[in-house]
């Protein structure tokens, strides 16, 4: 789960120019219980937020939560994000283990268009150039990494 302090750091590192886009789609990969996705939906009500979770119980809890507290700009998909196209993403957010990050790196390189962003909580893409890195003021001094997809990736 993403702490409130880390969420605030995530919000602060997202480029403001990105949020001015009218067709912005934000994916929260491995959305778990939906905490970050709900926060994103409240923080950015004009943007489309999609949480993708492969584990059934957390996904069901997110869906029930969405039924109880509807957010028009929020959706939760159940499935493996490696089998879902992310080509329409303008921002991908993830908090995943290093082995998964390595595999995800190849997928994002193949699917994301130039000008898209990837934001990672705690674990960096070792083969990408970091556009911005900041530490949250939480117990672990969690790092938040921002990457901009470019031609050179």
Protein backbone atom coordinates (compact mmCIF):
# COMPACT_ATOMS: atom_id res chain seq x y z
CA UNK A 1 0.00 0.00 0.00
CA UNK A 2 1.12 3.54 -0.73
CA UNK A 3 1.28 5.79 2.32
CA UNK A 4 -0.28 9.25 2.37
CA UNK A 5 3.16 10.89 2.45
CA UNK A 6 4.29 8.95 -0.62
CA UNK A 7 1.00 9.73 -2.41
CA UNK A 8 1.60 13.43 -1.81
CA UNK A 9 5.12 13.06 -3.23
CA UNK A 10 3.68 11.27 -6.27
CA UNK A 11 1.21 14.13 -6.83
CA UNK A 12 3.99 16.70 -6.51
CA UNK A 13 6.28 15.01 -9.04
CA UNK A 14 3.67 14.63 -11.81
CA UNK A 15 4.44 17.34 -14.38
CA UNK A 16 1.70 20.02 -14.32
CA UNK A 17 1.79 20.28 -18.14
CA UNK A 18 0.76 16.64 -18.34
CA UNK A 19 -2.39 17.29 -16.33
CA UNK A 20 -3.54 19.94 -18.80
CA UNK A 21 -4.03 17.24 -21.43
CA UNK A 22 -7.69 16.51 -22.21
CA UNK A 23 -7.12 12.90 -23.22
CA UNK A 24 -5.02 11.86 -20.27
CA UNK A 25 -5.28 8.27 -19.18
CA UNK A 26 -3.47 7.25 -16.01
CA UNK A 27 -2.86 3.57 -15.29
CA UNK A 28 -2.10 2.33 -11.78
CA UNK A 29 -0.44 -1.04 -12.36
CA UNK A 30 -0.90 -3.49 -9.50
CA UNK A 31 -3.54 -1.24 -7.97
CA UNK A 32 -4.12 -3.58 -5.02
CA UNK A 33 -6.87 -2.35 -2.71
CA UNK A 34 -7.30 0.82 -4.79
CA UNK A 35 -5.99 3.42 -2.36
CA UNK A 36 -3.72 5.25 -4.79
CA UNK A 37 -6.23 4.99 -7.66
CA UNK A 38 -8.98 6.54 -5.51
CA UNK A 39 -6.62 9.33 -4.46
CA UNK A 40 -5.69 9.98 -8.10
CA UNK A 41 -9.36 10.09 -9.10
CA UNK A 42 -10.13 12.64 -6.38
CA UNK A 43 -7.02 14.71 -7.04
CA UNK A 44 -7.50 14.76 -10.83
CA UNK A 45 -11.29 14.59 -11.47
CA UNK A 46 -10.93 15.48 -15.17
CA UNK A 47 -8.56 12.62 -15.92
CA UNK A 48 -9.33 8.94 -16.59
CA UNK A 49 -7.82 6.64 -13.97
CA UNK A 50 -7.58 2.88 -14.47
CA UNK A 51 -6.36 0.55 -11.74
CA UNK A 52 -5.28 -2.89 -12.92
CA UNK A 53 -4.98 -5.72 -10.41
CA UNK A 54 -4.40 -9.44 -10.97
CA UNK A 55 -5.29 -10.62 -7.44
CA UNK A 56 -8.99 -11.33 -7.14
CA UNK A 57 -9.68 -10.30 -3.53
CA UNK A 58 -8.03 -6.84 -3.66
CA UNK A 59 -9.67 -6.20 -7.05
CA UNK A 60 -13.11 -7.18 -5.68
CA UNK A 61 -12.61 -4.91 -2.67
CA UNK A 62 -11.69 -2.04 -5.01
CA UNK A 63 -14.81 -2.67 -7.09
CA UNK A 64 -17.07 -2.79 -4.00
CA UNK A 65 -15.47 0.40 -2.74
CA UNK A 66 -16.15 2.01 -6.12
CA UNK A 67 -19.80 0.94 -5.92
CA UNK A 68 -20.11 2.48 -2.45
CA UNK A 69 -18.17 5.66 -3.27
CA UNK A 70 -18.52 6.21 -7.03
CA UNK A 71 -15.88 8.12 -8.94
CA UNK A 72 -16.93 8.80 -12.53
CA UNK A 73 -13.32 8.98 -13.70
CA UNK A 74 -12.17 5.73 -12.07
CA UNK A 75 -12.26 2.14 -13.28
CA UNK A 76 -10.75 -1.07 -11.96
CA UNK A 77 -9.80 -3.88 -14.32
CA UNK A 78 -9.09 -7.40 -13.18
CA UNK A 79 -6.28 -9.04 -15.10
CA UNK A 80 -2.62 -9.26 -15.93
CA UNK A 81 -1.36 -5.89 -17.12
CA UNK A 82 1.22 -7.67 -19.26
CA UNK A 83 -1.69 -8.88 -21.40
CA UNK A 84 -3.38 -5.46 -21.64
CA UNK A 85 -2.28 -2.77 -24.07
CA UNK A 86 -1.09 0.38 -22.33
CA UNK A 87 -0.51 2.24 -25.60
CA UNK A 88 -3.12 4.90 -24.75
CA UNK A 89 -1.42 5.78 -21.45
CA UNK A 90 -0.06 9.25 -20.86
CA UNK A 91 1.04 8.28 -17.35
CA UNK A 92 1.75 4.85 -15.88
CA UNK A 93 2.25 4.54 -12.13
CA UNK A 94 3.68 1.42 -10.53
CA UNK A 95 4.92 0.06 -7.22
CA UNK A 96 6.26 -3.32 -8.23
CA UNK A 97 9.14 -5.61 -7.31
CA UNK A 98 12.42 -5.35 -9.27
CA UNK A 99 11.94 -8.55 -11.29
CA UNK A 100 8.52 -7.34 -12.46
CA UNK A 101 9.96 -3.88 -13.17
CA UNK A 102 12.59 -5.40 -15.45
CA UNK A 103 9.90 -7.24 -17.43
CA UNK A 104 7.62 -4.17 -17.44
CA UNK A 105 10.44 -2.03 -18.80
CA UNK A 106 10.39 -3.92 -22.10
CA UNK A 107 6.59 -3.73 -22.36
CA UNK A 108 6.50 0.02 -21.75
CA UNK A 109 9.32 0.66 -24.24
CA UNK A 110 7.31 -1.17 -26.89
CA UNK A 111 3.90 0.37 -26.15
CA UNK A 112 4.18 3.92 -24.80
CA UNK A 113 4.39 6.86 -27.15
CA UNK A 114 6.91 9.66 -26.98
CA UNK A 115 5.87 12.22 -24.35
CA UNK A 116 4.25 9.69 -22.02
CA UNK A 117 5.46 9.41 -18.44
CA UNK A 118 6.15 6.55 -16.07
CA UNK A 119 6.25 7.08 -12.32
CA UNK A 120 7.62 4.40 -10.05
CA UNK A 121 7.39 4.17 -6.28
CA UNK A 122 10.52 2.80 -4.56
CA UNK A 123 11.89 0.60 -7.36
CA UNK A 124 13.68 2.16 -10.32
CA UNK A 125 13.96 1.03 -13.91
CA UNK A 126 17.69 0.32 -14.07
CA UNK A 127 17.84 0.66 -17.86
CA UNK A 128 15.97 4.01 -18.12
CA UNK A 129 17.21 7.54 -17.56
CA UNK A 130 15.45 9.17 -14.61
CA UNK A 131 13.92 12.56 -15.41
CA UNK A 132 13.31 13.37 -11.76
CA UNK A 133 13.85 11.55 -8.47
CA UNK A 134 12.59 12.69 -5.09
CA UNK A 135 12.37 11.13 -1.66
CA UNK A 136 9.23 11.13 0.45
CA UNK A 137 9.51 12.10 4.09
CA UNK A 138 8.22 8.76 5.33
CA UNK A 139 9.90 6.21 7.60
CA UNK A 140 11.76 4.63 4.66
CA UNK A 141 12.58 7.84 2.75
CA UNK A 142 10.84 6.16 -0.18
CA UNK A 143 12.11 7.23 -3.58
CA UNK A 144 9.74 8.26 -6.34
CA UNK A 145 11.13 8.09 -9.87
CA UNK A 146 9.71 9.92 -12.88
CA UNK A 147 10.62 8.91 -16.43
CA UNK A 148 9.64 10.61 -19.67
CA UNK A 149 9.33 8.36 -22.68
CA UNK A 150 11.43 9.74 -25.49
CA UNK A 151 12.65 8.47 -28.83
CA UNK A 152 15.86 7.30 -27.12
CA UNK A 153 14.02 5.71 -24.17
